Protein backbone atom coordinates (compact mmCIF):
# COMPACT_ATOMS: atom_id res chain seq x y z
CA UNK A 1 -77.54 -3.03 -3.69
CA UNK A 2 -79.23 -4.28 -6.86
CA UNK A 3 -82.42 -2.70 -8.19
CA UNK A 4 -83.62 -5.98 -9.68
CA UNK A 5 -83.67 -9.77 -9.04
CA UNK A 6 -81.01 -12.44 -9.31
CA UNK A 7 -82.61 -14.43 -12.14
CA UNK A 8 -82.45 -11.37 -14.43
CA UNK A 9 -79.45 -11.91 -16.77
CA UNK A 10 -78.41 -8.23 -16.57
CA UNK A 11 -78.29 -8.53 -12.78
CA UNK A 12 -76.36 -11.78 -12.97
CA UNK A 13 -73.64 -10.21 -15.11
CA UNK A 14 -73.11 -7.36 -12.66
CA UNK A 15 -73.10 -9.72 -9.69
CA UNK A 16 -70.60 -12.11 -11.28
CA UNK A 17 -68.29 -9.24 -12.19
CA UNK A 18 -68.32 -7.85 -8.65
CA UNK A 19 -67.65 -11.29 -7.21
CA UNK A 20 -64.77 -11.94 -9.63
CA UNK A 21 -63.19 -8.53 -9.04
CA UNK A 22 -63.11 -9.00 -5.28
CA UNK A 23 -62.39 -12.76 -5.44
CA UNK A 24 -65.54 -13.63 -3.55
CA UNK A 25 -67.30 -16.96 -4.01
CA UNK A 26 -70.82 -16.75 -5.44
CA UNK A 27 -73.52 -19.35 -4.88
CA UNK A 28 -76.08 -20.35 -7.52
CA UNK A 29 -78.66 -18.26 -5.68
CA UNK A 30 -76.56 -15.13 -6.12
CA UNK A 31 -75.42 -14.96 -2.49
CA UNK A 32 -71.84 -14.02 -1.74
CA UNK A 33 -70.08 -16.73 0.24
CA UNK A 34 -66.79 -16.84 2.08
CA UNK A 35 -63.87 -17.78 -0.14
CA UNK A 36 -60.21 -18.33 0.74
CA UNK A 37 -58.96 -15.56 -1.56
CA UNK A 38 -61.64 -12.93 -0.97
CA UNK A 39 -60.42 -9.35 -0.78
CA UNK A 40 -63.47 -7.88 0.98
CA UNK A 41 -66.64 -8.93 2.77
CA UNK A 42 -69.70 -8.48 0.58
CA UNK A 43 -73.44 -8.56 1.14
CA UNK A 44 -75.92 -8.34 -1.72
CA UNK A 45 -79.51 -7.12 -1.48
CA UNK A 46 -81.97 -7.51 -4.36
CA UNK A 47 -84.73 -4.89 -4.40
CA UNK A 48 -86.68 -6.84 -7.06
CA UNK A 49 -88.16 -3.71 -8.64
CA UNK A 50 -88.04 -4.90 -12.25
CA UNK A 51 -90.84 -7.41 -11.65
CA UNK A 52 -92.55 -5.24 -9.02
CA UNK A 53 -92.98 -1.74 -10.41
CA UNK A 54 -95.54 -0.36 -7.94
CA UNK A 55 -94.23 2.86 -6.34
CA UNK A 56 -95.13 1.73 -2.82
CA UNK A 57 -93.34 -1.59 -3.31
CA UNK A 58 -90.19 0.16 -4.53
CA UNK A 59 -90.16 2.60 -1.61
CA UNK A 60 -90.65 -0.27 0.83
CA UNK A 61 -87.83 -2.27 -0.78
CA UNK A 62 -85.52 0.75 -0.53
CA UNK A 63 -86.41 1.24 3.13
CA UNK A 64 -85.71 -2.41 3.89
CA UNK A 65 -82.36 -2.07 2.12
CA UNK A 66 -81.57 1.01 4.22
CA UNK A 67 -82.38 -0.90 7.40
CA UNK A 68 -80.04 -3.72 6.39
CA UNK A 69 -77.29 -1.23 5.55
CA UNK A 70 -77.65 0.36 8.97
CA UNK A 71 -77.51 -3.05 10.60
CA UNK A 72 -74.46 -4.25 8.65
CA UNK A 73 -72.57 -0.92 8.60
CA UNK A 74 -70.61 -1.35 5.33
CA UNK A 75 -67.65 0.84 4.42
CA UNK A 76 -68.89 1.33 0.83
CA UNK A 77 -72.27 0.94 -0.87
CA UNK A 78 -72.36 -0.38 -4.45
CA UNK A 79 -75.62 0.11 -6.36
CA UNK A 80 -76.86 -0.87 -9.79
CA UNK A 81 -79.51 0.77 -11.96
CA UNK A 82 -81.86 3.70 -11.57
CA UNK A 83 -84.27 2.51 -8.89
CA UNK A 84 -81.53 2.06 -6.31
CA UNK A 85 -80.31 5.55 -7.19
CA UNK A 86 -83.69 7.24 -7.00
CA UNK A 87 -85.18 5.45 -4.00
CA UNK A 88 -82.11 4.60 -1.91
CA UNK A 89 -79.17 6.90 -2.65
CA UNK A 90 -81.09 10.15 -3.10
CA UNK A 91 -83.26 10.08 0.04
CA UNK A 92 -80.85 8.32 2.39
CA UNK A 93 -77.20 8.48 1.29
CA UNK A 94 -76.69 11.55 -0.87
CA UNK A 95 -74.29 13.91 0.97
CA UNK A 96 -73.68 11.24 3.60
CA UNK A 97 -70.33 10.15 4.99
CA UNK A 98 -70.41 6.70 3.41
CA UNK A 99 -69.02 6.40 -0.15
CA UNK A 100 -71.50 5.25 -2.81
CA UNK A 101 -70.48 3.81 -6.20
CA UNK A 102 -73.22 3.28 -8.80
CA UNK A 103 -73.45 1.50 -12.14
CA UNK A 104 -76.18 0.86 -14.70
CA UNK A 105 -77.89 4.25 -14.43
CA UNK A 106 -79.37 5.03 -17.83
CA UNK A 107 -77.72 7.86 -19.75
CA UNK A 108 -77.67 10.62 -17.11
CA UNK A 109 -77.64 11.26 -13.35
CA UNK A 110 -78.66 14.92 -13.62
CA UNK A 111 -82.13 14.23 -12.23
CA UNK A 112 -80.69 12.81 -9.03
CA UNK A 113 -78.49 15.74 -8.02
CA UNK A 114 -75.78 13.49 -6.67
CA UNK A 115 -73.27 14.90 -4.23
CA UNK A 116 -69.73 15.01 -5.60
CA UNK A 117 -68.38 14.43 -2.10
CA UNK A 118 -69.51 10.82 -1.65
CA UNK A 119 -71.22 9.55 -4.85
CA UNK A 120 -69.54 8.42 -8.07
CA UNK A 121 -69.99 5.75 -10.71
CA UNK A 122 -70.57 4.96 -14.38
CA UNK A 123 -73.50 5.37 -16.74
CA UNK A 124 -75.19 2.84 -19.00
CA UNK A 125 -75.28 4.17 -22.58
CA UNK A 126 -76.49 2.11 -25.54
CA UNK A 127 -75.10 2.71 -29.03
CA UNK A 128 -78.60 3.12 -30.40
CA UNK A 129 -77.61 5.29 -33.36
CA UNK A 130 -75.26 2.58 -34.64
CA UNK A 131 -77.98 -0.04 -34.16
CA UNK A 132 -80.43 1.99 -36.23
CA UNK A 133 -77.80 2.65 -38.90
CA UNK A 134 -77.31 -1.10 -39.33
CA UNK A 135 -81.05 -1.79 -39.44
CA UNK A 136 -81.59 1.06 -41.90
CA UNK A 137 -79.59 -0.76 -44.57
CA UNK A 138 -82.22 -3.55 -44.48
CA UNK A 139 -85.32 -1.43 -43.84
CA UNK A 140 -87.87 -0.19 -46.36
CA UNK A 141 -88.52 3.10 -44.58
CA UNK A 142 -87.58 5.35 -41.67
CA UNK A 143 -90.26 4.54 -39.05
CA UNK A 144 -88.53 3.34 -35.87
CA UNK A 145 -90.47 1.64 -33.08
CA UNK A 146 -89.50 0.68 -29.53
CA UNK A 147 -91.07 -2.22 -27.61
CA UNK A 148 -90.23 -3.16 -24.04
CA UNK A 149 -91.75 -4.12 -20.71
CA UNK A 150 -93.23 -1.10 -18.95
CA UNK A 151 -91.08 0.28 -16.14
CA UNK A 152 -89.38 3.57 -15.30
CA UNK A 153 -86.05 2.52 -16.81
CA UNK A 154 -87.72 1.66 -20.11
CA UNK A 155 -89.41 5.05 -20.32
CA UNK A 156 -86.21 6.89 -19.40
CA UNK A 157 -84.26 4.85 -21.94
CA UNK A 158 -86.77 5.56 -24.71
CA UNK A 159 -86.57 9.28 -24.03
CA UNK A 160 -82.80 9.31 -24.41
CA UNK A 161 -83.06 7.16 -27.55
CA UNK A 162 -85.33 9.80 -29.07
CA UNK A 163 -82.92 12.55 -28.06
CA UNK A 164 -79.94 10.67 -29.48
CA UNK A 165 -81.68 9.79 -32.74
CA UNK A 166 -83.43 13.13 -33.14
CA UNK A 167 -86.77 11.45 -33.87
CA UNK A 168 -89.97 10.46 -32.11
CA UNK A 169 -90.15 6.71 -31.61
CA UNK A 170 -93.34 4.69 -31.89
CA UNK A 171 -93.19 3.49 -28.27
CA UNK A 172 -94.99 0.33 -27.14
CA UNK A 173 -94.70 -0.28 -23.39
CA UNK A 174 -96.29 -3.61 -22.50
CA UNK A 175 -97.26 -5.24 -19.21
CA UNK A 176 -97.97 -8.83 -20.28
CA UNK A 177 -96.77 -11.43 -22.76
CA UNK A 178 -100.09 -11.28 -24.62
CA UNK A 179 -99.63 -7.52 -25.09
CA UNK A 180 -96.08 -8.07 -26.28
CA UNK A 181 -97.24 -10.59 -28.89
CA UNK A 182 -100.01 -8.32 -30.07
CA UNK A 183 -97.77 -5.27 -30.37
CA UNK A 184 -94.85 -7.13 -31.95
CA UNK A 185 -97.12 -8.47 -34.69
CA UNK A 186 -98.73 -5.07 -35.21
CA UNK A 187 -95.34 -3.38 -35.59
CA UNK A 188 -94.49 -5.55 -38.59
CA UNK A 189 -96.93 -3.34 -40.53
CA UNK A 190 -96.67 -0.12 -38.51
CA UNK A 191 -92.87 0.30 -38.34
CA UNK A 192 -89.87 -0.17 -40.60
CA UNK A 193 -87.37 -0.94 -37.81
CA UNK A 194 -87.96 -2.21 -34.27
CA UNK A 195 -85.82 -1.61 -31.19
CA UNK A 196 -86.58 -4.60 -28.99
CA UNK A 197 -85.95 -4.11 -25.28
CA UNK A 198 -85.92 -6.88 -22.72
CA UNK A 199 -89.01 -8.48 -21.19
CA UNK A 200 -87.89 -8.88 -17.58
CA UNK A 201 -91.02 -7.18 -16.25
CA UNK A 202 -93.28 -9.70 -18.00
CA UNK A 203 -93.76 -12.47 -15.47
CA UNK A 204 -95.75 -14.58 -17.94
CA UNK A 205 -93.07 -14.45 -20.66
CA UNK A 206 -92.91 -17.68 -22.68
CA UNK A 207 -89.67 -17.96 -24.63
CA UNK A 208 -90.70 -20.99 -26.68
CA UNK A 209 -93.92 -19.33 -27.81
CA UNK A 210 -92.13 -16.03 -28.42
CA UNK A 211 -89.51 -17.63 -30.65
CA UNK A 212 -92.20 -19.37 -32.67
CA UNK A 213 -94.11 -16.10 -33.09
CA UNK A 214 -90.94 -14.25 -34.10
CA UNK A 215 -90.09 -16.90 -36.70
CA UNK A 216 -93.59 -16.81 -38.19
CA UNK A 217 -94.31 -13.08 -38.20
CA UNK A 218 -91.07 -11.06 -38.45
CA UNK A 219 -90.86 -9.02 -41.65
CA UNK A 220 -88.89 -5.93 -40.56
CA UNK A 221 -85.38 -5.70 -39.04
CA UNK A 222 -85.10 -5.68 -35.26
CA UNK A 223 -82.21 -4.50 -33.09
CA UNK A 224 -81.21 -4.90 -29.45
CA UNK A 225 -78.42 -3.85 -27.07
CA UNK A 226 -78.46 -6.59 -24.40
CA UNK A 227 -76.09 -9.47 -25.04
CA UNK A 228 -78.41 -12.04 -23.48
CA UNK A 229 -81.23 -10.95 -25.81
CA UNK A 230 -78.95 -10.92 -28.85
CA UNK A 231 -77.91 -14.52 -28.15
CA UNK A 232 -81.51 -15.72 -28.43
CA UNK A 233 -81.94 -17.44 -31.85
CA UNK A 234 -84.35 -14.93 -33.42
């Protein structure tokens, strides 16, 4: 049960790892297929709540996922990221008989009140203090900004970054590529270091134009924690 969509690189990494661990074939569309060496039968459901952040959409996606789970009757439910936890595990499978294993939940599960009888998993924790320490050696001041597409995970992540760093970030949550460009340029004068989150919620993202803008306007150090973002030639 994936909170997001298959074309999102973070999602792809999780999906590939699950497929490899259980020796299940994986199609280009992210669908598990029968393979001669497979250890288990797997079904994947994408809730697509990174690109669709409306509360009603997310609840509907979770309900559809629940209906498919009830139809397929799996022995274990695997989930990734916060939306699957909040909208699927908590209302439908917390304290249930079916085991649930989560991954990708940002920093803490305290808000979800998970049952210890059937829910377990691992957290996603970024080494943000180390990132800032590296940027600080190139920065001219101590103002740290955070820019990312606007969704619940981004806001939760920013809050834990502030707690970890012991500072208040200059937070810029954007909903379009034009906003991202505007805020990124503005931050070159309004911040000394920039934490750059991913842009998966921005459906109009233009990588070619973004790279050109970054090359022309960047004057302060930027840091990131996603491998697929770090590999982009900034």
